[in-house]
Amino acid sequence: MEALAHLALGGLSETVDQSPVLWLLLSSIIGGVVGASIKFGFEDLLRPFIGSRREARQLVSKYTTPLLRSAEGLERRINILVNNAEHCWFETDEYFKLSTLYVFGQYLGWVRIVEQSFGFLPFESSRKGSKFNRRLHGVFRALSSHAYFRKDPQEAVGDSLIERFKLTAIGEVMIAADQGKVIEYTDFVQRYRSDGQYRTWFADLEAFLEAATPDDPLRWDRLILTGAHLRALICFLDRRGNMVHSRKASNLERLNHTQVIESLRRDFPDLIRSPEELAAARSVIAESD
């Protein structure tokens, strides 16, 4: 049987060699099969992937400016809270309280819009996309996670956090009706003052900010942590400092937990001042107290 097959193939090869027309016909068939395979691979496999990556980049570009501005505004407000804790402005000044809740809500609103817009786009398939995802959700790691406080009594750590989906809910109620942007400050104030149910969504955040003072080490450190994660996102979105001035993370010398600084140093080595600089800053704070 093998001999017959070899003989048949040999005969076909000899016939092809002697017939240019048959050779051209076979070449056309083989070329068509290869071409169809390449076309299938590109159109059915590569094109959706490339299209998704392109769409992901377009979405990042679309939301970079509002996300950057809201992150910078929230970081700046956190720094004001930390540097002026003794004045208790959040508890005693209505404007400061409402504007603080608004800048928190504004950032959370933009995060929620980005989450909804990306959907199932594979932006995490690249290293850059995965890093963007971590930076975007760093605030939740600071406010809602046990990760930085493994050495503390876990019951106290649990009491100090704001549950992740409560922060998500704030983001959702901050989105305007057209789903494409965050509500304006005037709309927020009107709804907050007139709608008891609306105020309820902010209750845990409000309670957290009232308690986040040097007398409450866990909540205080979570507040400073939030600012550090916002700075990391800002530097990711604006690497060259074209829109927001580049600098190190603020107020880390005021942290109570040394393990938090070490964790941040591993996460964002370029944003954390050296141990010597932090020690000098702590000395200044101690002398002023």
C-alpha atoms as a PDB file:
ATOM      1  CA  MET A   1       0.000   0.000   0.000  1.00  0.00           C
ATOM      2  CA  GLU A   2       2.794   2.429   0.899  1.00  0.00           C
ATOM      3  CA  ALA A   3       4.513   1.607  -2.357  1.00  0.00           C
ATOM      4  CA  LEU A   4       1.344   2.377  -4.270  1.00  0.00           C
ATOM      5  CA  ALA A   5       0.886   5.674  -2.461  1.00  0.00           C
ATOM      6  CA  HIS A   6       4.494   6.632  -3.131  1.00  0.00           C
ATOM      7  CA  LEU A   7       4.062   5.692  -6.761  1.00  0.00           C
ATOM      8  CA  ALA A   8       0.883   7.742  -7.017  1.00  0.00           C
ATOM      9  CA  LEU A   9       2.491  10.812  -5.413  1.00  0.00           C
ATOM     10  CA  GLY A  10       5.520  10.410  -7.588  1.00  0.00           C
ATOM     11  CA  GLY A  11       3.310  10.292 -10.617  1.00  0.00           C
ATOM     12  CA  LEU A  12       1.428  13.401  -9.530  1.00  0.00           C
ATOM     13  CA  SER A  13       4.695  15.250  -8.936  1.00  0.00           C
ATOM     14  CA  GLU A  14       5.948  14.259 -12.361  1.00  0.00           C
ATOM     15  CA  THR A  15       2.665  15.346 -13.943  1.00  0.00           C
ATOM     16  CA  VAL A  16       2.808  18.721 -12.144  1.00  0.00           C
ATOM     17  CA  ASP A  17       6.390  19.233 -13.230  1.00  0.00           C
ATOM     18  CA  GLN A  18       5.376  18.609 -16.820  1.00  0.00           C
ATOM     19  CA  SER A  19       2.224  20.761 -16.749  1.00  0.00           C
ATOM     20  CA  PRO A  20       2.619  24.490 -15.946  1.00  0.00           C
ATOM     21  CA  VAL A  21      -1.154  24.917 -16.035  1.00  0.00           C
ATOM     22  CA  LEU A  22      -1.671  22.280 -13.348  1.00  0.00           C
ATOM     23  CA  TRP A  23       1.134  23.835 -11.311  1.00  0.00           C
ATOM     24  CA  LEU A  24      -0.496  27.256 -11.466  1.00  0.00           C
ATOM     25  CA  LEU A  25      -3.846  25.734 -10.486  1.00  0.00           C
ATOM     26  CA  LEU A  26      -2.381  24.029  -7.418  1.00  0.00           C
ATOM     27  CA  SER A  27      -0.474  27.192  -6.463  1.00  0.00           C
ATOM     28  CA  SER A  28      -3.682  29.214  -6.653  1.00  0.00           C
ATOM     29  CA  ILE A  29      -5.536  26.735  -4.453  1.00  0.00           C
ATOM     30  CA  ILE A  30      -2.758  26.643  -1.857  1.00  0.00           C
ATOM     31  CA  GLY A  31      -2.393  30.439  -1.937  1.00  0.00           C
ATOM     32  CA  GLY A  32      -6.121  30.873  -1.490  1.00  0.00           C
ATOM     33  CA  VAL A  33      -6.150  28.584   1.547  1.00  0.00           C
ATOM     34  CA  VAL A  34      -3.206  30.407   3.144  1.00  0.00           C
ATOM     35  CA  GLY A  35      -4.706  33.808   2.354  1.00  0.00           C
ATOM     36  CA  ALA A  36      -8.060  32.823   3.802  1.00  0.00           C
ATOM     37  CA  SER A  37      -6.341  31.582   6.969  1.00  0.00           C
ATOM     38  CA  ILE A  38      -4.447  34.863   7.388  1.00  0.00           C
ATOM     39  CA  LYS A  39      -7.613  36.863   6.727  1.00  0.00           C
ATOM     40  CA  PHE A  40      -9.522  34.808   9.290  1.00  0.00           C
ATOM     41  CA  GLY A  41      -6.785  35.261  11.870  1.00  0.00           C
ATOM     42  CA  PHE A  42      -6.661  39.013  11.400  1.00  0.00           C
ATOM     43  CA  GLU A  43     -10.354  39.770  11.054  1.00  0.00           C
ATOM     44  CA  ASP A  44     -11.782  37.299  13.563  1.00  0.00           C
ATOM     45  CA  LEU A  45      -8.994  37.205  16.127  1.00  0.00           C
ATOM     46  CA  LEU A  46      -6.639  40.158  15.889  1.00  0.00           C
ATOM     47  CA  ARG A  47      -9.017  42.909  14.834  1.00  0.00           C
ATOM     48  CA  PRO A  48     -11.340  42.656  17.895  1.00  0.00           C
ATOM     49  CA  PHE A  49      -8.319  42.615  20.203  1.00  0.00           C
ATOM     50  CA  ILE A  50      -6.647  45.561  18.507  1.00  0.00           C
ATOM     51  CA  GLY A  51      -9.953  47.393  18.391  1.00  0.00           C
ATOM     52  CA  SER A  52     -10.515  46.847  22.106  1.00  0.00           C
ATOM     53  CA  ARG A  53      -7.030  48.072  22.949  1.00  0.00           C
ATOM     54  CA  ARG A  54      -7.586  51.150  20.786  1.00  0.00           C
ATOM     55  CA  GLU A  55     -10.949  51.778  22.439  1.00  0.00           C
ATOM     56  CA  ALA A  56      -9.368  51.436  25.872  1.00  0.00           C
ATOM     57  CA  ARG A  57      -6.734  54.036  24.982  1.00  0.00           C
ATOM     58  CA  GLN A  58      -9.437  56.381  23.700  1.00  0.00           C
ATOM     59  CA  LEU A  59     -11.387  56.046  26.945  1.00  0.00           C
ATOM     60  CA  VAL A  60      -8.285  56.712  29.044  1.00  0.00           C
ATOM     61  CA  SER A  61      -7.595  59.803  26.937  1.00  0.00           C
ATOM     62  CA  LYS A  62     -11.197  60.986  27.245  1.00  0.00           C
ATOM     63  CA  TYR A  63     -11.288  60.778  31.023  1.00  0.00           C
ATOM     64  CA  THR A  64      -7.694  61.682  31.854  1.00  0.00           C
ATOM     65  CA  THR A  65      -8.331  65.401  32.415  1.00  0.00           C
ATOM     66  CA  PRO A  66     -11.442  65.204  34.655  1.00  0.00           C
ATOM     67  CA  LEU A  67      -9.981  62.270  36.579  1.00  0.00           C
ATOM     68  CA  LEU A  68      -6.687  64.076  37.038  1.00  0.00           C
ATOM     69  CA  ARG A  69      -8.346  67.304  38.126  1.00  0.00           C
ATOM     70  CA  SER A  70     -10.666  65.568  40.589  1.00  0.00           C
ATOM     71  CA  ALA A  71      -7.785  63.528  42.052  1.00  0.00           C
ATOM     72  CA  GLU A  72      -5.658  66.654  42.461  1.00  0.00           C
ATOM     73  CA  GLY A  73      -8.555  68.545  44.048  1.00  0.00           C
ATOM     74  CA  LEU A  74      -9.206  65.749  46.530  1.00  0.00           C
ATOM     75  CA  GLU A  75      -5.541  65.365  47.405  1.00  0.00           C
ATOM     76  CA  ARG A  76      -5.303  69.107  48.033  1.00  0.00           C
ATOM     77  CA  ARG A  77      -8.363  69.005  50.314  1.00  0.00           C
ATOM     78  CA  ILE A  78      -6.936  66.067  52.268  1.00  0.00           C
ATOM     79  CA  ASN A  79      -3.720  68.014  52.790  1.00  0.00           C
ATOM     80  CA  ILE A  80      -5.759  70.946  54.117  1.00  0.00           C
ATOM     81  CA  LEU A  81      -7.595  68.628  56.509  1.00  0.00           C
ATOM     82  CA  VAL A  82      -4.353  67.088  57.768  1.00  0.00           C
ATOM     83  CA  ASN A  83      -2.398  70.307  58.098  1.00  0.00           C
ATOM     84  CA  ASN A  84      -5.227  72.109  59.897  1.00  0.00           C
ATOM     85  CA  ALA A  85      -6.668  69.312  62.005  1.00  0.00           C
ATOM     86  CA  GLU A  86      -6.587  71.434  65.154  1.00  0.00           C
ATOM     87  CA  HIS A  87      -9.151  73.863  63.674  1.00  0.00           C
ATOM     88  CA  CYS A  88     -11.846  71.161  63.266  1.00  0.00           C
ATOM     89  CA  TRP A  89     -13.196  72.910  60.170  1.00  0.00           C
ATOM     90  CA  PHE A  90     -15.062  69.843  58.941  1.00  0.00           C
ATOM     91  CA  GLU A  91     -17.210  69.748  62.085  1.00  0.00           C
ATOM     92  CA  THR A  92     -17.674  73.497  62.582  1.00  0.00           C
ATOM     93  CA  ASP A  93     -17.837  75.079  59.120  1.00  0.00           C
ATOM     94  CA  GLU A  94     -20.752  74.058  56.887  1.00  0.00           C
ATOM     95  CA  TYR A  95     -19.154  75.310  53.685  1.00  0.00           C
ATOM     96  CA  PHE A  96     -15.936  73.415  54.383  1.00  0.00           C
ATOM     97  CA  LYS A  97     -17.895  70.282  55.214  1.00  0.00           C
ATOM     98  CA  LEU A  98     -20.058  70.365  52.084  1.00  0.00           C
ATOM     99  CA  SER A  99     -17.186  71.234  49.775  1.00  0.00           C
ATOM    100  CA  THR A 100     -15.085  68.435  51.282  1.00  0.00           C
ATOM    101  CA  LEU A 101     -17.856  65.884  50.781  1.00  0.00           C
ATOM    102  CA  TYR A 102     -18.248  67.184  47.233  1.00  0.00           C
ATOM    103  CA  VAL A 103     -14.578  66.751  46.257  1.00  0.00           C
ATOM    104  CA  PHE A 104     -14.628  63.229  47.673  1.00  0.00           C
ATOM    105  CA  GLY A 105     -17.828  62.507  45.784  1.00  0.00           C
ATOM    106  CA  GLN A 106     -16.535  64.136  42.616  1.00  0.00           C
ATOM    107  CA  TYR A 107     -13.517  61.850  42.488  1.00  0.00           C
ATOM    108  CA  LEU A 108     -15.573  58.752  43.316  1.00  0.00           C
ATOM    109  CA  GLY A 109     -18.052  59.770  40.616  1.00  0.00           C
ATOM    110  CA  TRP A 110     -15.369  59.949  37.940  1.00  0.00           C
ATOM    111  CA  VAL A 111     -13.974  56.596  39.067  1.00  0.00           C
ATOM    112  CA  ARG A 112     -17.431  55.072  38.691  1.00  0.00           C
ATOM    113  CA  ILE A 113     -17.876  56.612  35.235  1.00  0.00           C
ATOM    114  CA  VAL A 114     -14.544  55.144  34.143  1.00  0.00           C
ATOM    115  CA  GLU A 115     -15.520  51.731  35.537  1.00  0.00           C
ATOM    116  CA  GLN A 116     -18.834  51.782  33.702  1.00  0.00           C
ATOM    117  CA  SER A 117     -17.258  53.012  30.483  1.00  0.00           C
ATOM    118  CA  PHE A 118     -14.546  50.376  30.365  1.00  0.00           C
ATOM    119  CA  GLY A 119     -16.902  47.488  31.081  1.00  0.00           C
ATOM    120  CA  PHE A 120     -15.174  44.332  29.896  1.00  0.00           C
ATOM    121  CA  LEU A 121     -12.516  45.990  27.750  1.00  0.00           C
ATOM    122  CA  PRO A 122      -9.233  44.113  28.265  1.00  0.00           C
ATOM    123  CA  PHE A 123      -7.299  47.135  29.485  1.00  0.00           C
ATOM    124  CA  GLU A 124      -5.693  44.982  32.184  1.00  0.00           C
ATOM    125  CA  SER A 125      -4.087  42.759  29.545  1.00  0.00           C
ATOM    126  CA  SER A 126      -1.146  45.149  29.278  1.00  0.00           C
ATOM    127  CA  ARG A 127       1.230  46.104  32.075  1.00  0.00           C
ATOM    128  CA  LYS A 128       0.314  49.761  31.686  1.00  0.00           C
ATOM    129  CA  GLY A 129      -3.408  48.993  31.805  1.00  0.00           C
ATOM    130  CA  SER A 130      -3.003  46.893  34.907  1.00  0.00           C
ATOM    131  CA  LYS A 131      -1.029  49.669  36.591  1.00  0.00           C
ATOM    132  CA  PHE A 132      -3.724  52.191  35.680  1.00  0.00           C
ATOM    133  CA  ASN A 133      -6.335  49.941  37.285  1.00  0.00           C
ATOM    134  CA  ARG A 134      -4.323  49.701  40.507  1.00  0.00           C
ATOM    135  CA  ARG A 135      -3.759  53.445  40.643  1.00  0.00           C
ATOM    136  CA  LEU A 136      -7.428  54.175  39.914  1.00  0.00           C
ATOM    137  CA  HIS A 137      -8.579  52.002  42.806  1.00  0.00           C
ATOM    138  CA  GLY A 138      -5.822  52.957  45.248  1.00  0.00           C
ATOM    139  CA  VAL A 139      -8.240  55.105  47.254  1.00  0.00           C
ATOM    140  CA  PHE A 140     -10.296  52.009  48.035  1.00  0.00           C
ATOM    141  CA  ARG A 141      -7.176  50.203  49.213  1.00  0.00           C
ATOM    142  CA  ALA A 142      -6.505  53.089  51.586  1.00  0.00           C
ATOM    143  CA  LEU A 143     -10.037  53.532  52.916  1.00  0.00           C
ATOM    144  CA  SER A 144     -11.588  50.056  52.675  1.00  0.00           C
ATOM    145  CA  SER A 145      -8.815  47.490  53.131  1.00  0.00           C
ATOM    146  CA  HIS A 146      -7.022  45.784  56.008  1.00  0.00           C
ATOM    147  CA  ALA A 147      -3.869  45.541  53.871  1.00  0.00           C
ATOM    148  CA  TYR A 148      -1.820  48.273  55.552  1.00  0.00           C
ATOM    149  CA  PHE A 149      -2.769  47.386  59.133  1.00  0.00           C
ATOM    150  CA  ARG A 150      -2.124  43.651  59.509  1.00  0.00           C
ATOM    151  CA  LYS A 151      -0.296  44.159  62.814  1.00  0.00           C
ATOM    152  CA  ASP A 152      -3.173  45.979  64.505  1.00  0.00           C
ATOM    153  CA  PRO A 153      -6.202  44.385  66.213  1.00  0.00           C
ATOM    154  CA  GLN A 154      -8.372  43.464  63.264  1.00  0.00           C
ATOM    155  CA  GLU A 155     -11.625  44.442  64.930  1.00  0.00           C
ATOM    156  CA  ALA A 156     -10.363  47.995  65.368  1.00  0.00           C
ATOM    157  CA  VAL A 157      -9.054  48.017  61.802  1.00  0.00           C
ATOM    158  CA  GLY A 158     -12.471  46.892  60.554  1.00  0.00           C
ATOM    159  CA  ASP A 159     -14.180  49.648  62.517  1.00  0.00           C
ATOM    160  CA  SER A 160     -11.895  52.261  60.971  1.00  0.00           C
ATOM    161  CA  LEU A 161     -12.663  51.514  57.323  1.00  0.00           C
ATOM    162  CA  ILE A 162     -15.436  52.603  54.968  1.00  0.00           C
ATOM    163  CA  GLU A 163     -16.953  49.670  53.134  1.00  0.00           C
ATOM    164  CA  ARG A 164     -15.995  49.545  49.474  1.00  0.00           C
ATOM    165  CA  PHE A 165     -19.520  49.515  48.054  1.00  0.00           C
ATOM    166  CA  LYS A 166     -20.559  52.470  50.182  1.00  0.00           C
ATOM    167  CA  LEU A 167     -17.869  54.477  48.437  1.00  0.00           C
ATOM    168  CA  THR A 168     -19.085  53.079  45.110  1.00  0.00           C
ATOM    169  CA  ALA A 169     -22.613  54.185  46.002  1.00  0.00           C
ATOM    170  CA  ILE A 170     -21.360  57.735  46.596  1.00  0.00           C
ATOM    171  CA  GLY A 171     -19.804  57.665  43.157  1.00  0.00           C
ATOM    172  CA  GLU A 172     -23.073  56.512  41.611  1.00  0.00           C
ATOM    173  CA  VAL A 173     -25.214  59.221  43.203  1.00  0.00           C
ATOM    174  CA  MET A 174     -22.688  61.835  42.061  1.00  0.00           C
ATOM    175  CA  ILE A 175     -23.164  60.992  38.367  1.00  0.00           C
ATOM    176  CA  ALA A 176     -25.369  63.381  36.393  1.00  0.00           C
ATOM    177  CA  ALA A 177     -28.516  62.157  34.668  1.00  0.00           C
ATOM    178  CA  ASP A 178     -26.846  61.955  31.253  1.00  0.00           C
ATOM    179  CA  GLN A 179     -24.307  59.468  32.724  1.00  0.00           C
ATOM    180  CA  GLY A 180     -21.412  61.291  31.142  1.00  0.00           C
ATOM    181  CA  LYS A 181     -20.216  63.604  33.900  1.00  0.00           C
ATOM    182  CA  VAL A 182     -20.364  64.387  37.606  1.00  0.00           C
ATOM    183  CA  ILE A 183     -22.994  66.767  38.986  1.00  0.00           C
ATOM    184  CA  GLU A 184     -22.028  70.359  39.721  1.00  0.00           C
ATOM    185  CA  TYR A 185     -21.396  71.634  43.237  1.00  0.00           C
ATOM    186  CA  THR A 186     -24.650  73.631  43.360  1.00  0.00           C
ATOM    187  CA  ASP A 187     -26.657  70.532  42.437  1.00  0.00           C
ATOM    188  CA  PHE A 188     -24.887  68.532  45.105  1.00  0.00           C
ATOM    189  CA  VAL A 189     -25.553  71.102  47.837  1.00  0.00           C
ATOM    190  CA  GLN A 190     -29.211  71.379  46.911  1.00  0.00           C
ATOM    191  CA  ARG A 191     -29.724  67.627  46.952  1.00  0.00           C
ATOM    192  CA  TYR A 192     -27.701  67.123  50.129  1.00  0.00           C
ATOM    193  CA  ARG A 193     -29.698  69.744  52.028  1.00  0.00           C
ATOM    194  CA  SER A 194     -33.150  68.780  50.758  1.00  0.00           C
ATOM    195  CA  ASP A 195     -33.016  64.999  50.367  1.00  0.00           C
ATOM    196  CA  GLY A 196     -32.558  62.909  53.511  1.00  0.00           C
ATOM    197  CA  GLN A 197     -32.034  59.711  51.536  1.00  0.00           C
ATOM    198  CA  TYR A 198     -29.324  61.374  49.491  1.00  0.00           C
ATOM    199  CA  ARG A 199     -27.516  62.473  52.673  1.00  0.00           C
ATOM    200  CA  THR A 200     -27.611  58.891  53.914  1.00  0.00           C
ATOM    201  CA  TRP A 201     -25.225  57.773  51.185  1.00  0.00           C
ATOM    202  CA  PHE A 202     -22.569  60.103  52.612  1.00  0.00           C
ATOM    203  CA  ALA A 203     -23.137  59.221  56.285  1.00  0.00           C
ATOM    204  CA  ASP A 204     -20.205  56.816  56.654  1.00  0.00           C
ATOM    205  CA  LEU A 205     -17.810  59.121  54.849  1.00  0.00           C
ATOM    206  CA  GLU A 206     -18.963  62.039  56.984  1.00  0.00           C
ATOM    207  CA  ALA A 207     -18.472  60.039  60.192  1.00  0.00           C
ATOM    208  CA  PHE A 208     -15.034  58.935  59.019  1.00  0.00           C
ATOM    209  CA  LEU A 209     -13.883  62.485  58.277  1.00  0.00           C
ATOM    210  CA  GLU A 210     -15.135  63.742  61.632  1.00  0.00           C
ATOM    211  CA  ALA A 211     -13.112  61.042  63.408  1.00  0.00           C
ATOM    212  CA  ALA A 212      -9.987  61.233  61.209  1.00  0.00           C
ATOM    213  CA  THR A 213      -7.838  63.242  63.629  1.00  0.00           C
ATOM    214  CA  PRO A 214      -4.479  62.553  65.313  1.00  0.00           C
ATOM    215  CA  ASP A 215      -6.474  61.139  68.253  1.00  0.00           C
ATOM    216  CA  ASP A 216      -7.673  58.284  66.005  1.00  0.00           C
ATOM    217  CA  PRO A 217      -4.458  56.759  64.589  1.00  0.00           C
ATOM    218  CA  LEU A 218      -6.141  54.312  62.208  1.00  0.00           C
ATOM    219  CA  ARG A 219      -8.518  56.753  60.539  1.00  0.00           C
ATOM    220  CA  TRP A 220      -5.853  59.449  60.544  1.00  0.00           C
ATOM    221  CA  ASP A 221      -3.422  57.163  58.736  1.00  0.00           C
ATOM    222  CA  ARG A 222      -6.112  56.076  56.290  1.00  0.00           C
ATOM    223  CA  LEU A 223      -6.723  59.718  55.392  1.00  0.00           C
ATOM    224  CA  ILE A 224      -3.018  60.342  54.736  1.00  0.00           C
ATOM    225  CA  LEU A 225      -2.819  57.054  52.814  1.00  0.00           C
ATOM    226  CA  THR A 226      -5.636  58.231  50.577  1.00  0.00           C
ATOM    227  CA  GLY A 227      -3.649  61.332  49.702  1.00  0.00           C
ATOM    228  CA  ALA A 228      -0.593  59.218  48.851  1.00  0.00           C
ATOM    229  CA  HIS A 229      -2.591  56.989  46.508  1.00  0.00           C
ATOM    230  CA  LEU A 230      -4.088  60.033  44.817  1.00  0.00           C
ATOM    231  CA  ARG A 231      -0.592  61.418  44.271  1.00  0.00           C
ATOM    232  CA  ALA A 232       0.417  58.098  42.675  1.00  0.00           C
ATOM    233  CA  LEU A 233      -2.541  58.301  40.284  1.00  0.00           C
ATOM    234  CA  ILE A 234      -1.749  61.926  39.445  1.00  0.00           C
ATOM    235  CA  CYS A 235       1.853  61.042  38.592  1.00  0.00           C
ATOM    236  CA  PHE A 236       0.676  58.118  36.460  1.00  0.00           C
ATOM    237  CA  LEU A 237      -1.754  60.256  34.457  1.00  0.00           C
ATOM    238  CA  ASP A 238       0.583  63.256  34.177  1.00  0.00           C
ATOM    239  CA  ARG A 239       4.097  61.822  34.130  1.00  0.00           C
ATOM    240  CA  ARG A 240       5.776  65.017  32.966  1.00  0.00           C
ATOM    241  CA  GLY A 241       3.875  67.323  35.294  1.00  0.00           C
ATOM    242  CA  ASN A 242       2.324  69.274  32.432  1.00  0.00           C
ATOM    243  CA  MET A 243      -1.023  69.764  34.185  1.00  0.00           C
ATOM    244  CA  VAL A 244      -0.230  69.222  37.861  1.00  0.00           C
ATOM    245  CA  HIS A 245       3.046  70.073  39.603  1.00  0.00           C
ATOM    246  CA  SER A 246       5.117  66.942  40.258  1.00  0.00           C
ATOM    247  CA  ARG A 247       6.167  66.288  43.851  1.00  0.00           C
ATOM    248  CA  LYS A 248       6.447  63.621  46.524  1.00  0.00           C
ATOM    249  CA  ALA A 249       3.513  62.301  48.549  1.00  0.00           C
ATOM    250  CA  SER A 250       2.591  64.661  51.399  1.00  0.00           C
ATOM    251  CA  ASN A 251       2.296  64.306  55.183  1.00  0.00           C
ATOM    252  CA  LEU A 252       3.822  60.827  55.479  1.00  0.00           C
ATOM    253  CA  GLU A 253       5.874  62.087  58.418  1.00  0.00           C
ATOM    254  CA  ARG A 254       2.562  62.387  60.302  1.00  0.00           C
ATOM    255  CA  LEU A 255       1.710  58.681  59.968  1.00  0.00           C
ATOM    256  CA  ASN A 256       1.454  56.649  63.147  1.00  0.00           C
ATOM    257  CA  HIS A 257       2.192  53.243  61.606  1.00  0.00           C
ATOM    258  CA  THR A 258       5.741  52.735  60.375  1.00  0.00           C
ATOM    259  CA  GLN A 259       4.720  49.660  58.374  1.00  0.00           C
ATOM    260  CA  VAL A 260       2.479  51.898  56.272  1.00  0.00           C
ATOM    261  CA  ILE A 261       5.470  53.934  55.104  1.00  0.00           C
ATOM    262  CA  GLU A 262       7.396  50.776  54.226  1.00  0.00           C
ATOM    263  CA  SER A 263       4.449  49.451  52.227  1.00  0.00           C
ATOM    264  CA  LEU A 264       4.141  52.739  50.390  1.00  0.00           C
ATOM    265  CA  ARG A 265       7.860  52.745  49.697  1.00  0.00           C
ATOM    266  CA  ARG A 266       7.501  49.349  48.018  1.00  0.00           C
ATOM    267  CA  ASP A 267       4.441  50.477  46.041  1.00  0.00           C
ATOM    268  CA  PHE A 268       5.655  53.958  45.027  1.00  0.00           C
ATOM    269  CA  PRO A 269       9.423  54.197  45.612  1.00  0.00           C
ATOM    270  CA  ASP A 270       9.734  57.401  43.584  1.00  0.00           C
ATOM    271  CA  LEU A 271       7.037  59.230  45.565  1.00  0.00           C
ATOM    272  CA  ILE A 272       8.263  58.593  49.102  1.00  0.00           C
ATOM    273  CA  ARG A 273      10.875  60.769  50.736  1.00  0.00           C
ATOM    274  CA  SER A 274      13.954  59.124  52.229  1.00  0.00           C
ATOM    275  CA  PRO A 275      13.937  57.925  55.858  1.00  0.00           C
ATOM    276  CA  GLU A 276      16.282  60.777  56.764  1.00  0.00           C
ATOM    277  CA  GLU A 277      13.972  63.385  55.230  1.00  0.00           C
ATOM    278  CA  LEU A 278      10.932  61.924  56.981  1.00  0.00           C
ATOM    279  CA  ALA A 279      12.789  61.841  60.307  1.00  0.00           C
ATOM    280  CA  ALA A 280      13.764  65.492  59.919  1.00  0.00           C
ATOM    281  CA  ALA A 281      10.157  66.412  59.114  1.00  0.00           C
ATOM    282  CA  ARG A 282       8.947  64.530  62.205  1.00  0.00           C
ATOM    283  CA  SER A 283      11.400  66.511  64.334  1.00  0.00           C
ATOM    284  CA  VAL A 284       9.977  69.765  63.001  1.00  0.00           C
ATOM    285  CA  ILE A 285       6.436  68.631  63.836  1.00  0.00           C
ATOM    286  CA  ALA A 286       7.487  67.540  67.343  1.00  0.00           C
ATOM    287  CA  GLU A 287       9.133  70.904  68.008  1.00  0.00           C
ATOM    288  CA  SER A 288       6.071  72.815  66.804  1.00  0.00           C
ATOM    289  CA  ASP A 289       3.834  70.774  69.102  1.00  0.00           C
END
